[in-house]
Amino acid sequence: MEVRIQDIHFDASQQLVDYINTKADRLARRYPNIDYMDFTLTLVKPQTQANKEARVKAILPHHGEFTATKTADTFEEAVTKALEAVDGQLEKVK
């Protein structure tokens, strides 16, 4: 499985990248057919709370693309919520 992480309007720390890779591996263990996961992290409005947005896209062969976008106070929380949403979508197809 290939994982791609894009950080827009900021530079992601190595700790955040490791967190995302760990979460992606957990989802891949549950759904081994996932070919590709794309994480797009965006800093929306710098001076407000809940300004961190995570968009997760998972591609499953013969089933298409599953996408979720969530906003939270931290990128870790936004990634976790988005992965939970994608997990729910994948569960319906399983």
N, C-alpha and C. Protein backbone atom coordinates (compact mmCIF):
# COMPACT_ATOMS: atom_id res chain seq x y z
N MET A 1 0.84 -1.17 0.00
CA MET A 1 0.00 0.00 0.00
C MET A 1 0.89 1.25 0.00
N GLU A 2 0.50 2.20 -0.80
CA GLU A 2 1.24 3.46 -0.89
C GLU A 2 0.50 4.53 -0.08
N VAL A 3 1.24 5.29 0.70
CA VAL A 3 0.68 6.39 1.49
C VAL A 3 1.35 7.68 1.05
N ARG A 4 0.52 8.68 0.73
CA ARG A 4 1.04 9.99 0.35
C ARG A 4 0.47 11.03 1.30
N ILE A 5 1.33 11.90 1.81
CA ILE A 5 0.92 12.93 2.76
C ILE A 5 1.29 14.28 2.17
N GLN A 6 0.28 15.15 2.05
CA GLN A 6 0.50 16.52 1.58
C GLN A 6 0.18 17.47 2.73
N ASP A 7 1.07 18.42 2.97
CA ASP A 7 0.80 19.42 3.99
C ASP A 7 0.74 20.79 3.30
N ILE A 8 -0.39 21.45 3.47
CA ILE A 8 -0.64 22.72 2.79
C ILE A 8 -0.68 23.84 3.82
N HIS A 9 0.09 24.89 3.58
CA HIS A 9 0.18 26.08 4.43
C HIS A 9 0.93 25.85 5.75
N PHE A 10 1.67 24.73 5.86
CA PHE A 10 2.50 24.47 7.02
C PHE A 10 3.43 23.31 6.68
N ASP A 11 4.39 23.05 7.57
CA ASP A 11 5.29 21.91 7.41
C ASP A 11 4.98 20.88 8.49
N ALA A 12 4.64 19.68 8.08
CA ALA A 12 4.29 18.62 9.02
C ALA A 12 5.54 18.12 9.75
N SER A 13 5.40 17.91 11.03
CA SER A 13 6.51 17.37 11.82
C SER A 13 6.65 15.87 11.56
N GLN A 14 7.81 15.34 11.89
CA GLN A 14 8.04 13.91 11.72
C GLN A 14 7.11 13.11 12.62
N GLN A 15 6.79 13.65 13.79
CA GLN A 15 5.88 12.98 14.71
C GLN A 15 4.49 12.84 14.09
N LEU A 16 4.01 13.88 13.41
CA LEU A 16 2.71 13.83 12.75
C LEU A 16 2.73 12.83 11.60
N VAL A 17 3.80 12.82 10.83
CA VAL A 17 3.93 11.88 9.72
C VAL A 17 3.93 10.44 10.24
N ASP A 18 4.64 10.18 11.33
CA ASP A 18 4.66 8.84 11.93
C ASP A 18 3.28 8.44 12.43
N TYR A 19 2.56 9.38 13.03
CA TYR A 19 1.20 9.13 13.52
C TYR A 19 0.29 8.72 12.37
N ILE A 20 0.37 9.46 11.26
CA ILE A 20 -0.47 9.16 10.10
C ILE A 20 -0.12 7.80 9.52
N ASN A 21 1.17 7.49 9.41
CA ASN A 21 1.57 6.19 8.88
C ASN A 21 1.09 5.04 9.77
N THR A 22 1.13 5.23 11.08
CA THR A 22 0.64 4.21 12.01
C THR A 22 -0.86 3.98 11.82
N LYS A 23 -1.61 5.05 11.74
CA LYS A 23 -3.06 4.94 11.54
C LYS A 23 -3.39 4.30 10.20
N ALA A 24 -2.64 4.67 9.16
CA ALA A 24 -2.87 4.10 7.82
C ALA A 24 -2.57 2.60 7.83
N ASP A 25 -1.52 2.18 8.53
CA ASP A 25 -1.18 0.76 8.62
C ASP A 25 -2.28 -0.03 9.33
N ARG A 26 -2.86 0.55 10.36
CA ARG A 26 -3.95 -0.13 11.06
C ARG A 26 -5.15 -0.36 10.14
N LEU A 27 -5.49 0.65 9.36
CA LEU A 27 -6.61 0.51 8.43
C LEU A 27 -6.26 -0.49 7.34
N ALA A 28 -5.03 -0.49 6.90
CA ALA A 28 -4.60 -1.43 5.85
C ALA A 28 -4.62 -2.87 6.34
N ARG A 29 -4.34 -3.08 7.62
CA ARG A 29 -4.43 -4.44 8.17
C ARG A 29 -5.87 -4.92 8.18
N ARG A 30 -6.79 -4.02 8.43
CA ARG A 30 -8.20 -4.38 8.45
C ARG A 30 -8.76 -4.60 7.05
N TYR A 31 -8.27 -3.80 6.09
CA TYR A 31 -8.69 -3.89 4.70
C TYR A 31 -7.44 -4.04 3.82
N PRO A 32 -6.94 -5.27 3.67
CA PRO A 32 -5.68 -5.46 2.97
C PRO A 32 -5.73 -5.14 1.47
N ASN A 33 -6.90 -4.96 0.92
CA ASN A 33 -7.02 -4.66 -0.51
C ASN A 33 -6.80 -3.19 -0.84
N ILE A 34 -6.61 -2.34 0.15
CA ILE A 34 -6.37 -0.91 -0.12
C ILE A 34 -5.05 -0.77 -0.86
N ASP A 35 -5.11 -0.12 -2.03
CA ASP A 35 -3.90 0.09 -2.83
C ASP A 35 -3.19 1.37 -2.47
N TYR A 36 -3.96 2.41 -2.14
CA TYR A 36 -3.38 3.75 -2.05
C TYR A 36 -4.16 4.58 -1.05
N MET A 37 -3.46 5.35 -0.23
CA MET A 37 -4.11 6.28 0.69
C MET A 37 -3.45 7.65 0.54
N ASP A 38 -4.27 8.67 0.47
CA ASP A 38 -3.79 10.04 0.30
C ASP A 38 -4.32 10.86 1.47
N PHE A 39 -3.40 11.54 2.17
CA PHE A 39 -3.76 12.41 3.28
C PHE A 39 -3.40 13.84 2.89
N THR A 40 -4.38 14.74 2.92
CA THR A 40 -4.13 16.14 2.65
C THR A 40 -4.45 16.92 3.92
N LEU A 41 -3.44 17.56 4.48
CA LEU A 41 -3.59 18.32 5.73
C LEU A 41 -3.50 19.81 5.40
N THR A 42 -4.50 20.56 5.85
CA THR A 42 -4.56 21.98 5.52
C THR A 42 -4.78 22.80 6.78
N LEU A 43 -4.03 23.88 6.90
CA LEU A 43 -4.25 24.85 7.95
C LEU A 43 -5.20 25.89 7.38
N VAL A 44 -6.46 25.89 7.85
CA VAL A 44 -7.51 26.68 7.23
C VAL A 44 -7.39 28.16 7.57
N LYS A 45 -7.64 28.51 8.82
CA LYS A 45 -7.55 29.90 9.26
C LYS A 45 -6.61 29.94 10.46
N PRO A 46 -5.46 30.55 10.33
CA PRO A 46 -4.43 30.45 11.37
C PRO A 46 -4.83 30.94 12.76
N GLN A 47 -5.74 31.89 12.88
CA GLN A 47 -6.02 32.46 14.20
C GLN A 47 -7.26 31.89 14.89
N THR A 48 -7.85 30.84 14.38
CA THR A 48 -9.07 30.32 15.00
C THR A 48 -8.84 28.91 15.53
N GLN A 49 -9.76 28.48 16.40
CA GLN A 49 -9.74 27.11 16.87
C GLN A 49 -10.38 26.24 15.80
N ALA A 50 -10.15 24.95 15.88
CA ALA A 50 -10.69 23.99 14.91
C ALA A 50 -10.32 24.43 13.49
N ASN A 51 -9.06 24.76 13.30
CA ASN A 51 -8.61 25.26 12.01
C ASN A 51 -7.75 24.25 11.25
N LYS A 52 -7.70 23.02 11.73
CA LYS A 52 -6.89 22.01 11.07
C LYS A 52 -7.81 21.01 10.36
N GLU A 53 -7.61 20.88 9.06
CA GLU A 53 -8.48 20.05 8.24
C GLU A 53 -7.68 18.88 7.67
N ALA A 54 -8.26 17.70 7.74
CA ALA A 54 -7.63 16.50 7.17
C ALA A 54 -8.60 15.87 6.18
N ARG A 55 -8.09 15.62 4.97
CA ARG A 55 -8.88 14.91 3.96
C ARG A 55 -8.16 13.61 3.68
N VAL A 56 -8.90 12.51 3.83
CA VAL A 56 -8.34 11.18 3.63
C VAL A 56 -9.04 10.54 2.44
N LYS A 57 -8.23 10.00 1.54
CA LYS A 57 -8.77 9.30 0.38
C LYS A 57 -8.13 7.92 0.33
N ALA A 58 -8.97 6.89 0.28
CA ALA A 58 -8.50 5.51 0.17
C ALA A 58 -9.04 4.92 -1.12
N ILE A 59 -8.17 4.26 -1.87
CA ILE A 59 -8.58 3.65 -3.13
C ILE A 59 -8.56 2.14 -2.98
N LEU A 60 -9.69 1.54 -3.27
CA LEU A 60 -9.86 0.10 -3.18
C LEU A 60 -10.18 -0.42 -4.58
N PRO A 61 -9.39 -1.35 -5.10
CA PRO A 61 -9.64 -1.84 -6.46
C PRO A 61 -11.04 -2.43 -6.61
N HIS A 62 -11.65 -2.18 -7.72
CA HIS A 62 -12.98 -2.69 -8.08
C HIS A 62 -14.10 -2.09 -7.24
N HIS A 63 -13.77 -1.20 -6.31
CA HIS A 63 -14.80 -0.56 -5.48
C HIS A 63 -14.72 0.96 -5.54
N GLY A 64 -13.61 1.48 -6.01
CA GLY A 64 -13.50 2.93 -6.18
C GLY A 64 -12.77 3.63 -5.07
N GLU A 65 -13.17 4.88 -4.89
CA GLU A 65 -12.49 5.80 -4.00
C GLU A 65 -13.39 6.15 -2.82
N PHE A 66 -12.81 6.16 -1.64
CA PHE A 66 -13.54 6.50 -0.42
C PHE A 66 -12.86 7.72 0.20
N THR A 67 -13.64 8.78 0.43
CA THR A 67 -13.07 10.04 0.88
C THR A 67 -13.84 10.58 2.08
N ALA A 68 -13.10 11.22 2.99
CA ALA A 68 -13.71 11.90 4.13
C ALA A 68 -12.86 13.12 4.49
N THR A 69 -13.53 14.20 4.86
CA THR A 69 -12.85 15.43 5.28
C THR A 69 -13.38 15.81 6.66
N LYS A 70 -12.47 16.04 7.58
CA LYS A 70 -12.85 16.43 8.95
C LYS A 70 -11.98 17.59 9.41
N THR A 71 -12.54 18.42 10.30
CA THR A 71 -11.85 19.57 10.87
C THR A 71 -11.84 19.43 12.39
N ALA A 72 -10.70 19.78 13.00
CA ALA A 72 -10.57 19.67 14.46
C ALA A 72 -9.52 20.66 14.95
N ASP A 73 -9.28 20.62 16.28
CA ASP A 73 -8.28 21.49 16.91
C ASP A 73 -6.86 21.04 16.61
N THR A 74 -6.66 19.73 16.42
CA THR A 74 -5.32 19.21 16.12
C THR A 74 -5.40 18.35 14.86
N PHE A 75 -4.28 18.22 14.17
CA PHE A 75 -4.25 17.39 12.99
C PHE A 75 -4.46 15.91 13.34
N GLU A 76 -3.95 15.48 14.48
CA GLU A 76 -4.12 14.10 14.89
C GLU A 76 -5.60 13.76 15.05
N GLU A 77 -6.33 14.66 15.71
CA GLU A 77 -7.76 14.44 15.91
C GLU A 77 -8.51 14.46 14.58
N ALA A 78 -8.16 15.37 13.69
CA ALA A 78 -8.82 15.45 12.39
C ALA A 78 -8.55 14.20 11.56
N VAL A 79 -7.30 13.70 11.59
CA VAL A 79 -6.95 12.49 10.85
C VAL A 79 -7.71 11.29 11.42
N THR A 80 -7.79 11.19 12.73
CA THR A 80 -8.50 10.08 13.36
C THR A 80 -9.97 10.09 12.98
N LYS A 81 -10.61 11.24 13.03
CA LYS A 81 -12.03 11.33 12.67
C LYS A 81 -12.25 11.00 11.20
N ALA A 82 -11.38 11.47 10.33
CA ALA A 82 -11.51 11.20 8.90
C ALA A 82 -11.31 9.71 8.61
N LEU A 83 -10.34 9.09 9.28
CA LEU A 83 -10.12 7.66 9.09
C LEU A 83 -11.30 6.83 9.60
N GLU A 84 -11.93 7.28 10.68
CA GLU A 84 -13.11 6.58 11.18
C GLU A 84 -14.25 6.66 10.16
N ALA A 85 -14.39 7.80 9.51
CA ALA A 85 -15.42 7.96 8.49
C ALA A 85 -15.14 7.07 7.28
N VAL A 86 -13.89 7.01 6.85
CA VAL A 86 -13.51 6.15 5.73
C VAL A 86 -13.70 4.68 6.11
N ASP A 87 -13.37 4.34 7.35
CA ASP A 87 -13.56 2.97 7.84
C ASP A 87 -15.03 2.57 7.75
N GLY A 88 -15.92 3.49 8.13
CA GLY A 88 -17.35 3.22 8.03
C GLY A 88 -17.80 2.99 6.60
N GLN A 89 -17.25 3.77 5.67
CA GLN A 89 -17.58 3.59 4.26
C GLN A 89 -17.08 2.24 3.75
N LEU A 90 -15.87 1.87 4.15
CA LEU A 90 -15.30 0.60 3.72
C LEU A 90 -16.05 -0.58 4.32
N GLU A 91 -16.55 -0.42 5.53
CA GLU A 91 -17.29 -1.49 6.20
C GLU A 91 -18.57 -1.82 5.42
N LYS A 92 -19.20 -0.82 4.82
CA LYS A 92 -20.41 -1.05 4.04
C LYS A 92 -20.14 -1.87 2.79
N VAL A 93 -18.94 -1.75 2.25
CA VAL A 93 -18.58 -2.47 1.02
C VAL A 93 -18.10 -3.88 1.32
N LYS A 94 -17.55 -4.07 2.50
CA LYS A 94 -16.93 -5.36 2.89
C LYS A 94 -17.89 -6.48 2.87
